[in-house]
Amino acid sequence: MAMDAIQLLKKDHEKVKALLSELADTTERATKKRQDLLKTIHTELEAHTTIEEEIFYPAFKKAGAEKDDDKMFFEAKEEHRAVDQLVLPDLVKTDTSSAAFSGRVKVLKELVEHHAEEEEKEMFPRARKLLSIDRLKEIGSQMEQRKQEILNSVKG
């Protein structure tokens, strides 16, 4: 049973938020665990961001009729940019045994939680109004396929 696009994205949110909580709970001694978790988070976020930007957001934007929809779309994209281009690259370069690492994890966690919450409260309900259930399922299966591609390419 294929998930619709929104179920899929919510599941992604849950997974990444759980991983980030786990990472935030690690101590500076747990360098190996931090590295492993960070790698998983990095991959998951990359896959999630990509399927949203390539498939979900454009479908949302195309169906959206109001200025608010456009605003929501651009805001979501900017939040991705903050994570992908600023916070995450910094975190990846940060020594996992440092206090700076903990601080950056906290910032990433807050950003991702805020972003997920906004999507789930505003964008997703709006998408349910704009897009039919069949269309959401169609987008969902496209996203699922694309996500597998990305995850497989990372494992390499």
N, C-alpha and C. Protein backbone atom coordinates (compact mmCIF):
# COMPACT_ATOMS: atom_id res chain seq x y z
N MET A 1 0.85 -1.20 0.00
CA MET A 1 0.00 0.00 0.00
C MET A 1 0.89 1.26 0.00
N ALA A 2 0.83 1.97 -1.10
CA ALA A 2 1.68 3.17 -1.23
C ALA A 2 1.17 4.28 -0.31
N MET A 3 2.10 4.98 0.27
CA MET A 3 1.75 6.13 1.09
C MET A 3 1.49 7.32 0.19
N ASP A 4 0.62 8.21 0.65
CA ASP A 4 0.52 9.43 -0.12
C ASP A 4 1.69 10.34 0.27
N ALA A 5 1.88 11.37 -0.53
CA ALA A 5 3.05 12.24 -0.39
C ALA A 5 3.20 12.78 1.03
N ILE A 6 2.10 13.17 1.62
CA ILE A 6 2.16 13.81 2.93
C ILE A 6 2.51 12.81 4.03
N GLN A 7 1.93 11.61 3.94
CA GLN A 7 2.29 10.56 4.90
C GLN A 7 3.78 10.26 4.83
N LEU A 8 4.29 10.18 3.60
CA LEU A 8 5.70 9.89 3.38
C LEU A 8 6.59 10.96 4.01
N LEU A 9 6.25 12.22 3.78
CA LEU A 9 7.05 13.32 4.31
C LEU A 9 6.98 13.39 5.83
N LYS A 10 5.79 13.10 6.38
CA LYS A 10 5.65 13.10 7.84
C LYS A 10 6.49 11.99 8.46
N LYS A 11 6.52 10.85 7.79
CA LYS A 11 7.32 9.73 8.28
C LYS A 11 8.80 10.12 8.29
N ASP A 12 9.23 10.80 7.24
CA ASP A 12 10.59 11.33 7.16
C ASP A 12 10.88 12.27 8.33
N HIS A 13 9.94 13.17 8.58
CA HIS A 13 10.09 14.12 9.68
C HIS A 13 10.30 13.39 11.00
N GLU A 14 9.44 12.41 11.26
CA GLU A 14 9.53 11.65 12.51
C GLU A 14 10.91 11.01 12.65
N LYS A 15 11.35 10.41 11.56
CA LYS A 15 12.63 9.69 11.58
C LYS A 15 13.79 10.63 11.86
N VAL A 16 13.84 11.74 11.13
CA VAL A 16 14.94 12.68 11.29
C VAL A 16 14.90 13.34 12.68
N LYS A 17 13.71 13.66 13.16
CA LYS A 17 13.60 14.27 14.48
C LYS A 17 14.08 13.30 15.56
N ALA A 18 13.74 12.04 15.42
CA ALA A 18 14.19 11.04 16.39
C ALA A 18 15.71 10.90 16.37
N LEU A 19 16.28 10.87 15.16
CA LEU A 19 17.73 10.77 15.02
C LEU A 19 18.43 11.99 15.63
N LEU A 20 17.86 13.16 15.39
CA LEU A 20 18.44 14.39 15.93
C LEU A 20 18.36 14.43 17.45
N SER A 21 17.26 13.92 18.01
CA SER A 21 17.14 13.85 19.47
C SER A 21 18.20 12.92 20.03
N GLU A 22 18.39 11.79 19.36
CA GLU A 22 19.40 10.83 19.79
C GLU A 22 20.78 11.47 19.75
N LEU A 23 21.04 12.20 18.68
CA LEU A 23 22.33 12.86 18.53
C LEU A 23 22.53 13.93 19.60
N ALA A 24 21.48 14.69 19.86
CA ALA A 24 21.55 15.76 20.86
C ALA A 24 21.82 15.19 22.25
N ASP A 25 21.41 13.96 22.49
CA ASP A 25 21.60 13.33 23.79
C ASP A 25 22.98 12.71 23.99
N THR A 26 23.78 12.66 22.93
CA THR A 26 25.10 12.05 23.07
C THR A 26 26.06 12.98 23.80
N THR A 27 27.08 12.40 24.40
CA THR A 27 28.08 13.21 25.09
C THR A 27 29.31 13.37 24.20
N GLU A 28 30.20 14.24 24.62
CA GLU A 28 31.40 14.52 23.84
C GLU A 28 32.33 13.31 23.75
N ARG A 29 32.11 12.34 24.62
CA ARG A 29 32.93 11.12 24.57
C ARG A 29 32.49 10.17 23.46
N ALA A 30 31.22 10.29 23.08
CA ALA A 30 30.66 9.33 22.11
C ALA A 30 30.95 9.73 20.67
N THR A 31 32.23 9.87 20.35
CA THR A 31 32.57 10.42 19.04
C THR A 31 32.14 9.50 17.89
N LYS A 32 32.32 8.20 18.05
CA LYS A 32 31.97 7.26 16.98
C LYS A 32 30.45 7.27 16.75
N LYS A 33 29.71 7.22 17.84
CA LYS A 33 28.26 7.25 17.74
C LYS A 33 27.78 8.54 17.07
N ARG A 34 28.42 9.63 17.44
CA ARG A 34 28.07 10.93 16.84
C ARG A 34 28.33 10.93 15.34
N GLN A 35 29.47 10.38 14.96
CA GLN A 35 29.81 10.33 13.53
C GLN A 35 28.79 9.50 12.76
N ASP A 36 28.46 8.35 13.30
CA ASP A 36 27.50 7.45 12.63
C ASP A 36 26.12 8.09 12.51
N LEU A 37 25.66 8.66 13.61
CA LEU A 37 24.35 9.31 13.60
C LEU A 37 24.32 10.48 12.62
N LEU A 38 25.39 11.26 12.66
CA LEU A 38 25.45 12.43 11.78
C LEU A 38 25.41 12.02 10.32
N LYS A 39 26.10 10.94 10.00
CA LYS A 39 26.12 10.45 8.63
C LYS A 39 24.70 10.05 8.19
N THR A 40 24.01 9.34 9.07
CA THR A 40 22.64 8.92 8.77
C THR A 40 21.72 10.13 8.61
N ILE A 41 21.85 11.08 9.51
CA ILE A 41 21.02 12.29 9.45
C ILE A 41 21.29 13.07 8.17
N HIS A 42 22.56 13.19 7.85
CA HIS A 42 22.96 13.90 6.64
C HIS A 42 22.29 13.28 5.41
N THR A 43 22.37 11.97 5.30
CA THR A 43 21.79 11.24 4.18
C THR A 43 20.27 11.38 4.15
N GLU A 44 19.65 11.17 5.30
CA GLU A 44 18.19 11.27 5.38
C GLU A 44 17.70 12.67 5.01
N LEU A 45 18.38 13.67 5.53
CA LEU A 45 17.98 15.05 5.23
C LEU A 45 18.17 15.37 3.76
N GLU A 46 19.26 14.88 3.21
CA GLU A 46 19.52 15.12 1.80
C GLU A 46 18.43 14.50 0.93
N ALA A 47 18.08 13.27 1.25
CA ALA A 47 17.04 12.57 0.49
C ALA A 47 15.70 13.28 0.64
N HIS A 48 15.38 13.64 1.87
CA HIS A 48 14.11 14.30 2.17
C HIS A 48 14.00 15.65 1.45
N THR A 49 15.05 16.45 1.58
CA THR A 49 15.07 17.77 0.95
C THR A 49 14.95 17.65 -0.57
N THR A 50 15.66 16.70 -1.12
CA THR A 50 15.65 16.53 -2.58
C THR A 50 14.27 16.15 -3.09
N ILE A 51 13.62 15.19 -2.46
CA ILE A 51 12.29 14.79 -2.96
C ILE A 51 11.26 15.89 -2.75
N GLU A 52 11.43 16.66 -1.69
CA GLU A 52 10.50 17.78 -1.51
C GLU A 52 10.71 18.82 -2.60
N GLU A 53 11.97 19.15 -2.85
CA GLU A 53 12.24 20.23 -3.80
C GLU A 53 12.03 19.82 -5.25
N GLU A 54 12.31 18.56 -5.56
CA GLU A 54 12.15 18.11 -6.95
C GLU A 54 10.70 17.76 -7.28
N ILE A 55 9.98 17.24 -6.29
CA ILE A 55 8.66 16.67 -6.60
C ILE A 55 7.51 17.34 -5.86
N PHE A 56 7.61 17.37 -4.52
CA PHE A 56 6.46 17.86 -3.74
C PHE A 56 6.23 19.36 -3.87
N TYR A 57 7.28 20.15 -3.65
CA TYR A 57 7.11 21.61 -3.71
C TYR A 57 6.61 22.09 -5.07
N PRO A 58 7.20 21.61 -6.17
CA PRO A 58 6.70 22.05 -7.48
C PRO A 58 5.22 21.69 -7.70
N ALA A 59 4.83 20.51 -7.25
CA ALA A 59 3.42 20.10 -7.39
C ALA A 59 2.52 21.01 -6.56
N PHE A 60 3.00 21.34 -5.37
CA PHE A 60 2.27 22.23 -4.48
C PHE A 60 2.15 23.62 -5.11
N LYS A 61 3.26 24.10 -5.61
CA LYS A 61 3.30 25.44 -6.18
C LYS A 61 2.40 25.54 -7.41
N LYS A 62 2.43 24.49 -8.21
CA LYS A 62 1.62 24.47 -9.43
C LYS A 62 0.13 24.47 -9.10
N ALA A 63 -0.23 23.74 -8.06
CA ALA A 63 -1.63 23.65 -7.67
C ALA A 63 -2.08 24.88 -6.88
N GLY A 64 -1.13 25.55 -6.26
CA GLY A 64 -1.44 26.69 -5.40
C GLY A 64 -1.95 27.87 -6.20
N ALA A 65 -2.93 28.53 -5.64
CA ALA A 65 -3.55 29.61 -6.39
C ALA A 65 -3.29 30.96 -5.74
N GLU A 66 -2.94 30.93 -4.48
CA GLU A 66 -2.90 32.18 -3.73
C GLU A 66 -1.48 32.65 -3.45
N LYS A 67 -1.36 33.94 -3.16
CA LYS A 67 -0.05 34.50 -2.83
C LYS A 67 0.55 33.80 -1.62
N ASP A 68 -0.32 33.42 -0.68
CA ASP A 68 0.15 32.73 0.52
C ASP A 68 0.82 31.41 0.20
N ASP A 69 0.32 30.73 -0.83
CA ASP A 69 0.92 29.45 -1.23
C ASP A 69 2.34 29.68 -1.73
N ASP A 70 2.50 30.71 -2.52
CA ASP A 70 3.82 31.07 -3.02
C ASP A 70 4.77 31.40 -1.87
N LYS A 71 4.25 32.15 -0.93
CA LYS A 71 5.05 32.57 0.22
C LYS A 71 5.50 31.34 1.00
N MET A 72 4.57 30.42 1.22
CA MET A 72 4.86 29.18 1.94
C MET A 72 5.95 28.38 1.23
N PHE A 73 5.82 28.33 -0.09
CA PHE A 73 6.77 27.59 -0.92
C PHE A 73 8.18 28.17 -0.79
N PHE A 74 8.29 29.50 -0.92
CA PHE A 74 9.61 30.12 -0.87
C PHE A 74 10.23 30.08 0.53
N GLU A 75 9.37 30.19 1.54
CA GLU A 75 9.85 30.11 2.91
C GLU A 75 10.42 28.72 3.20
N ALA A 76 9.71 27.70 2.76
CA ALA A 76 10.16 26.32 2.97
C ALA A 76 11.50 26.09 2.27
N LYS A 77 11.61 26.62 1.06
CA LYS A 77 12.87 26.47 0.31
C LYS A 77 14.03 27.16 1.02
N GLU A 78 13.77 28.32 1.57
CA GLU A 78 14.81 29.06 2.29
C GLU A 78 15.26 28.30 3.53
N GLU A 79 14.30 27.68 4.22
CA GLU A 79 14.64 26.90 5.41
C GLU A 79 15.52 25.71 5.03
N HIS A 80 15.23 25.11 3.90
CA HIS A 80 16.09 24.03 3.41
C HIS A 80 17.50 24.55 3.16
N ARG A 81 17.56 25.71 2.54
CA ARG A 81 18.86 26.29 2.19
C ARG A 81 19.68 26.53 3.46
N ALA A 82 19.03 27.02 4.50
CA ALA A 82 19.72 27.27 5.76
C ALA A 82 20.31 25.97 6.31
N VAL A 83 19.54 24.91 6.24
CA VAL A 83 20.02 23.62 6.73
C VAL A 83 21.12 23.06 5.83
N ASP A 84 20.84 22.99 4.54
CA ASP A 84 21.75 22.31 3.59
C ASP A 84 23.05 23.04 3.36
N GLN A 85 22.99 24.36 3.33
CA GLN A 85 24.17 25.10 2.93
C GLN A 85 24.91 25.76 4.08
N LEU A 86 24.24 25.93 5.21
CA LEU A 86 24.90 26.60 6.33
C LEU A 86 25.14 25.67 7.52
N VAL A 87 24.06 25.22 8.12
CA VAL A 87 24.19 24.48 9.38
C VAL A 87 24.82 23.10 9.20
N LEU A 88 24.32 22.35 8.24
CA LEU A 88 24.81 20.98 8.05
C LEU A 88 26.28 20.91 7.64
N PRO A 89 26.71 21.68 6.63
CA PRO A 89 28.13 21.63 6.25
C PRO A 89 29.05 22.01 7.41
N ASP A 90 28.63 22.99 8.21
CA ASP A 90 29.40 23.39 9.38
C ASP A 90 29.51 22.25 10.37
N LEU A 91 28.39 21.61 10.60
CA LEU A 91 28.33 20.53 11.58
C LEU A 91 29.22 19.36 11.16
N VAL A 92 29.17 19.03 9.88
CA VAL A 92 29.97 17.93 9.35
C VAL A 92 31.47 18.19 9.55
N LYS A 93 31.85 19.46 9.49
CA LYS A 93 33.27 19.81 9.65
C LYS A 93 33.68 19.97 11.12
N THR A 94 32.72 19.92 12.02
CA THR A 94 33.01 20.18 13.43
C THR A 94 33.49 18.92 14.15
N ASP A 95 34.51 19.08 14.95
CA ASP A 95 35.05 17.98 15.74
C ASP A 95 33.95 17.42 16.65
N THR A 96 33.69 16.11 16.50
CA THR A 96 32.58 15.50 17.25
C THR A 96 32.83 15.45 18.75
N SER A 97 34.07 15.66 19.17
CA SER A 97 34.34 15.63 20.61
C SER A 97 34.31 17.02 21.23
N SER A 98 33.85 18.01 20.45
CA SER A 98 33.87 19.39 20.95
C SER A 98 32.51 19.86 21.44
N ALA A 99 32.53 20.91 22.26
CA ALA A 99 31.29 21.52 22.73
C ALA A 99 30.59 22.24 21.59
N ALA A 100 31.36 22.72 20.63
CA ALA A 100 30.78 23.40 19.46
C ALA A 100 29.85 22.44 18.71
N PHE A 101 30.23 21.17 18.68
CA PHE A 101 29.41 20.17 18.00
C PHE A 101 28.02 20.11 18.64
N SER A 102 27.98 20.03 19.96
CA SER A 102 26.70 19.99 20.67
C SER A 102 25.84 21.20 20.36
N GLY A 103 26.48 22.35 20.33
CA GLY A 103 25.76 23.59 20.04
C GLY A 103 25.16 23.58 18.64
N ARG A 104 25.93 23.10 17.69
CA ARG A 104 25.46 23.07 16.31
C ARG A 104 24.35 22.04 16.10
N VAL A 105 24.46 20.94 16.82
CA VAL A 105 23.41 19.92 16.75
C VAL A 105 22.09 20.52 17.24
N LYS A 106 22.17 21.27 18.32
CA LYS A 106 20.98 21.89 18.89
C LYS A 106 20.32 22.84 17.88
N VAL A 107 21.14 23.63 17.21
CA VAL A 107 20.63 24.57 16.21
C VAL A 107 19.98 23.82 15.04
N LEU A 108 20.65 22.78 14.58
CA LEU A 108 20.10 21.97 13.49
C LEU A 108 18.77 21.35 13.90
N LYS A 109 18.74 20.81 15.10
CA LYS A 109 17.54 20.16 15.61
C LYS A 109 16.37 21.16 15.66
N GLU A 110 16.65 22.35 16.18
CA GLU A 110 15.60 23.37 16.28
C GLU A 110 15.11 23.81 14.90
N LEU A 111 16.04 23.97 13.98
CA LEU A 111 15.67 24.36 12.62
C LEU A 111 14.78 23.31 11.96
N VAL A 112 15.21 22.05 12.07
CA VAL A 112 14.46 20.97 11.44
C VAL A 112 13.08 20.82 12.08
N GLU A 113 13.04 20.91 13.40
CA GLU A 113 11.75 20.79 14.09
C GLU A 113 10.79 21.90 13.70
N HIS A 114 11.33 23.11 13.63
CA HIS A 114 10.53 24.26 13.24
C HIS A 114 9.99 24.09 11.81
N HIS A 115 10.87 23.69 10.93
CA HIS A 115 10.53 23.49 9.52
C HIS A 115 9.46 22.41 9.38
N ALA A 116 9.65 21.30 10.05
CA ALA A 116 8.70 20.19 9.99
C ALA A 116 7.34 20.62 10.52
N GLU A 117 7.36 21.35 11.62
CA GLU A 117 6.12 21.79 12.24
C GLU A 117 5.35 22.74 11.32
N GLU A 118 6.06 23.65 10.71
CA GLU A 118 5.40 24.59 9.78
C GLU A 118 4.78 23.85 8.61
N GLU A 119 5.53 22.90 8.06
CA GLU A 119 4.98 22.13 6.94
C GLU A 119 3.74 21.37 7.37
N GLU A 120 3.82 20.74 8.54
CA GLU A 120 2.72 19.90 8.98
C GLU A 120 1.49 20.71 9.39
N LYS A 121 1.71 21.93 9.88
CA LYS A 121 0.58 22.76 10.31
C LYS A 121 -0.02 23.58 9.17
N GLU A 122 0.85 24.00 8.23
CA GLU A 122 0.39 24.93 7.19
C GLU A 122 0.38 24.33 5.79
N MET A 123 1.55 23.88 5.37
CA MET A 123 1.69 23.45 3.98
C MET A 123 0.94 22.15 3.68
N PHE A 124 1.06 21.16 4.56
CA PHE A 124 0.43 19.87 4.29
C PHE A 124 -1.10 19.93 4.27
N PRO A 125 -1.72 20.60 5.27
CA PRO A 125 -3.18 20.72 5.21
C PRO A 125 -3.63 21.45 3.93
N ARG A 126 -2.85 22.47 3.56
CA ARG A 126 -3.16 23.22 2.35
C ARG A 126 -3.01 22.31 1.12
N ALA A 127 -1.97 21.50 1.11
CA ALA A 127 -1.75 20.58 -0.01
C ALA A 127 -2.90 19.57 -0.13
N ARG A 128 -3.45 19.16 1.01
CA ARG A 128 -4.59 18.24 0.98
C ARG A 128 -5.82 18.88 0.34
N LYS A 129 -5.92 20.21 0.50
CA LYS A 129 -7.03 20.93 -0.14
C LYS A 129 -6.80 21.09 -1.63
N LEU A 130 -5.54 21.35 -1.98
CA LEU A 130 -5.21 21.67 -3.37
C LEU A 130 -5.09 20.44 -4.26
N LEU A 131 -4.62 19.32 -3.68
CA LEU A 131 -4.31 18.15 -4.49
C LEU A 131 -5.25 16.98 -4.15
N SER A 132 -5.67 16.28 -5.17
CA SER A 132 -6.55 15.13 -4.93
C SER A 132 -5.76 14.01 -4.28
N ILE A 133 -6.47 13.08 -3.66
CA ILE A 133 -5.82 11.96 -3.00
C ILE A 133 -5.04 11.12 -4.02
N ASP A 134 -5.60 10.98 -5.22
CA ASP A 134 -4.90 10.23 -6.27
C ASP A 134 -3.60 10.91 -6.67
N ARG A 135 -3.66 12.22 -6.77
CA ARG A 135 -2.47 12.98 -7.13
C ARG A 135 -1.42 12.86 -6.01
N LEU A 136 -1.87 12.92 -4.77
CA LEU A 136 -0.96 12.80 -3.64
C LEU A 136 -0.30 11.42 -3.61
N LYS A 137 -1.06 10.39 -3.99
CA LYS A 137 -0.49 9.04 -4.03
C LYS A 137 0.53 8.92 -5.16
N GLU A 138 0.18 9.54 -6.27
CA GLU A 138 1.07 9.53 -7.43
C GLU A 138 2.39 10.22 -7.08
N ILE A 139 2.29 11.40 -6.48
CA ILE A 139 3.48 12.14 -6.06
C ILE A 139 4.25 11.31 -5.02
N GLY A 140 3.50 10.68 -4.12
CA GLY A 140 4.11 9.85 -3.08
C GLY A 140 4.96 8.74 -3.66
N SER A 141 4.45 8.05 -4.68
CA SER A 141 5.23 6.95 -5.22
C SER A 141 6.43 7.45 -6.02
N GLN A 142 6.28 8.59 -6.67
CA GLN A 142 7.44 9.21 -7.35
C GLN A 142 8.53 9.53 -6.33
N MET A 143 8.10 10.09 -5.20
CA MET A 143 9.04 10.48 -4.17
C MET A 143 9.72 9.27 -3.54
N GLU A 144 8.94 8.23 -3.34
CA GLU A 144 9.49 7.01 -2.75
C GLU A 144 10.59 6.43 -3.64
N GLN A 145 10.32 6.41 -4.94
CA GLN A 145 11.29 5.90 -5.90
C GLN A 145 12.56 6.74 -5.91
N ARG A 146 12.35 8.03 -5.96
CA ARG A 146 13.48 8.96 -6.01
C ARG A 146 14.31 8.85 -4.74
N LYS A 147 13.63 8.69 -3.61
CA LYS A 147 14.32 8.59 -2.33
C LYS A 147 15.21 7.35 -2.31
N GLN A 148 14.69 6.24 -2.80
CA GLN A 148 15.48 5.01 -2.87
C GLN A 148 16.74 5.21 -3.71
N GLU A 149 16.55 5.88 -4.85
CA GLU A 149 17.70 6.19 -5.73
C GLU A 149 18.79 6.93 -4.94
N ILE A 150 18.37 7.96 -4.22
CA ILE A 150 19.32 8.78 -3.50
C ILE A 150 20.01 7.96 -2.40
N LEU A 151 19.23 7.22 -1.64
CA LEU A 151 19.80 6.43 -0.56
C LEU A 151 20.76 5.37 -1.09
N ASN A 152 20.40 4.78 -2.22
CA ASN A 152 21.28 3.77 -2.82
C ASN A 152 22.57 4.37 -3.34
N SER A 153 22.48 5.56 -3.92
CA SER A 153 23.68 6.20 -4.46
C SER A 153 24.65 6.60 -3.36
N VAL A 154 24.09 6.92 -2.19
CA VAL A 154 24.94 7.30 -1.06
C VAL A 154 25.69 6.08 -0.53
N LYS A 155 24.98 4.96 -0.43
CA LYS A 155 25.63 3.72 0.03
C LYS A 155 26.75 3.34 -0.92
N GLY A 156 26.49 3.59 -2.21
CA GLY A 156 27.48 3.38 -3.26
C GLY A 156 28.18 2.04 -3.14
